[in-house]
């Protein structure tokens, strides 16, 4: 999956706005923010052959929302995205719950 395909996939989720990077102004939960944190480039003969991006996708909700987490997990799994166990965190400062998924895309 490429980053462009991930964008299309995230826009298919109903009821959960998503953005690559950050929303331009404060967003009320629930929402999804994702971005490529790091990337690796594989080159051959001076040409880029493959670029692998390490993506961090975070679902932000008021409280832990297992149905929305399942919706995201199912969508990623159905589309062949291999991810491990998500991280779960309650952000005391912002008073929101964050579920974070880690995976790679290949462009």
Protein backbone atom coordinates (compact mmCIF):
# COMPACT_ATOMS: atom_id res chain seq x y z
CA UNK A 1 0.00 0.00 0.00
CA UNK A 2 1.21 3.49 -0.84
CA UNK A 3 0.63 6.68 1.15
CA UNK A 4 -1.82 7.83 -1.57
CA UNK A 5 -3.77 4.57 -1.22
CA UNK A 6 -3.76 5.00 2.57
CA UNK A 7 -5.28 8.46 2.16
CA UNK A 8 -8.09 7.00 0.03
CA UNK A 9 -8.59 4.22 2.56
CA UNK A 10 -8.82 6.65 5.50
CA UNK A 11 -11.31 8.85 3.64
CA UNK A 12 -13.57 5.81 3.25
CA UNK A 13 -14.14 5.63 7.01
CA UNK A 14 -17.54 7.10 7.80
CA UNK A 15 -17.92 9.37 10.80
CA UNK A 16 -14.20 9.70 11.49
CA UNK A 17 -12.41 12.65 9.85
CA UNK A 18 -8.78 11.95 8.98
CA UNK A 19 -5.77 14.00 8.00
CA UNK A 20 -2.19 13.40 6.94
CA UNK A 21 -0.13 15.36 9.44
CA UNK A 22 -2.20 17.79 11.46
CA UNK A 23 -5.56 19.52 11.18
CA UNK A 24 -5.13 23.27 10.52
CA UNK A 25 -7.27 24.10 13.55
CA UNK A 26 -8.32 22.21 16.66
CA UNK A 27 -10.46 19.17 15.90
CA UNK A 28 -12.99 17.61 18.25
CA UNK A 29 -12.69 13.83 18.69
CA UNK A 30 -13.13 11.38 17.15
CA UNK A 31 -10.54 11.86 14.43
CA UNK A 32 -7.54 10.17 12.85
CA UNK A 33 -4.15 11.73 12.22
CA UNK A 34 -1.42 9.82 10.41
CA UNK A 35 1.98 10.54 8.94
CA UNK A 36 5.18 8.93 7.74
CA UNK A 37 7.63 9.34 10.61
CA UNK A 38 10.69 7.93 8.85
CA UNK A 39 11.44 6.36 5.51
CA UNK A 40 14.01 4.22 3.79
CA UNK A 41 14.97 4.40 0.16
CA UNK A 42 16.22 1.41 -1.80
CA UNK A 43 18.12 2.38 -4.92
CA UNK A 44 19.75 0.50 -7.74
CA UNK A 45 21.91 1.93 -10.52
CA UNK A 46 21.32 5.45 -9.21
CA UNK A 47 17.53 5.14 -9.36
CA UNK A 48 15.09 4.91 -6.47
CA UNK A 49 13.44 1.50 -6.75
CA UNK A 50 11.38 1.41 -3.56
CA UNK A 51 10.63 3.86 -0.77
CA UNK A 52 9.40 2.36 2.51
CA UNK A 53 7.68 4.72 4.94
CA UNK A 54 7.12 3.97 8.63
CA UNK A 55 3.61 5.26 9.31
CA UNK A 56 2.09 6.22 12.65
CA UNK A 57 -1.73 6.38 12.65
CA UNK A 58 -3.51 7.68 15.74
CA UNK A 59 -7.22 7.45 16.51
CA UNK A 60 -8.21 10.16 19.00
CA UNK A 61 -11.47 9.72 20.95
CA UNK A 62 -13.02 11.06 24.17
CA UNK A 63 -12.91 7.59 25.74
CA UNK A 64 -11.59 4.28 24.51
CA UNK A 65 -13.83 3.39 21.57
CA UNK A 66 -13.47 -0.31 20.78
CA UNK A 67 -15.95 -0.28 17.84
CA UNK A 68 -13.93 2.46 16.10
CA UNK A 69 -10.67 0.65 16.88
CA UNK A 70 -12.16 -2.52 15.38
CA UNK A 71 -13.33 -0.57 12.32
CA UNK A 72 -9.78 0.70 11.72
CA UNK A 73 -8.14 -2.67 12.44
CA UNK A 74 -10.56 -4.45 10.09
CA UNK A 75 -10.03 -1.86 7.35
CA UNK A 76 -6.24 -2.17 7.58
CA UNK A 77 -6.36 -5.98 7.72
CA UNK A 78 -8.79 -6.26 4.80
CA UNK A 79 -6.44 -4.12 2.72
CA UNK A 80 -3.34 -6.15 3.53
CA UNK A 81 -1.73 -3.74 5.97
CA UNK A 82 0.39 -5.62 8.50
CA UNK A 83 0.39 -3.91 11.88
CA UNK A 84 1.21 -5.06 15.38
CA UNK A 85 -0.68 -4.52 18.61
CA UNK A 86 -1.70 -0.85 18.85
CA UNK A 87 -0.61 1.36 21.76
CA UNK A 88 -3.35 2.67 24.06
CA UNK A 89 -2.93 5.90 26.04
CA UNK A 90 -5.09 8.40 27.90
CA UNK A 91 -3.63 11.88 27.47
CA UNK A 92 -4.21 13.63 30.80
CA UNK A 93 -3.33 17.05 29.38
CA UNK A 94 -5.78 16.94 26.48
CA UNK A 95 -8.27 14.61 28.22
CA UNK A 96 -8.48 12.31 25.19
CA UNK A 97 -7.79 8.64 24.49
CA UNK A 98 -5.27 7.76 21.79
CA UNK A 99 -4.99 4.43 20.00
CA UNK A 100 -1.85 4.33 17.85
CA UNK A 101 -1.10 1.89 15.03
CA UNK A 102 2.35 1.39 13.47
CA UNK A 103 2.92 -0.04 9.99
CA UNK A 104 4.76 0.52 6.72
CA UNK A 105 3.75 1.67 3.26
CA UNK A 106 5.71 1.02 0.10
CA UNK A 107 5.84 3.60 -2.69
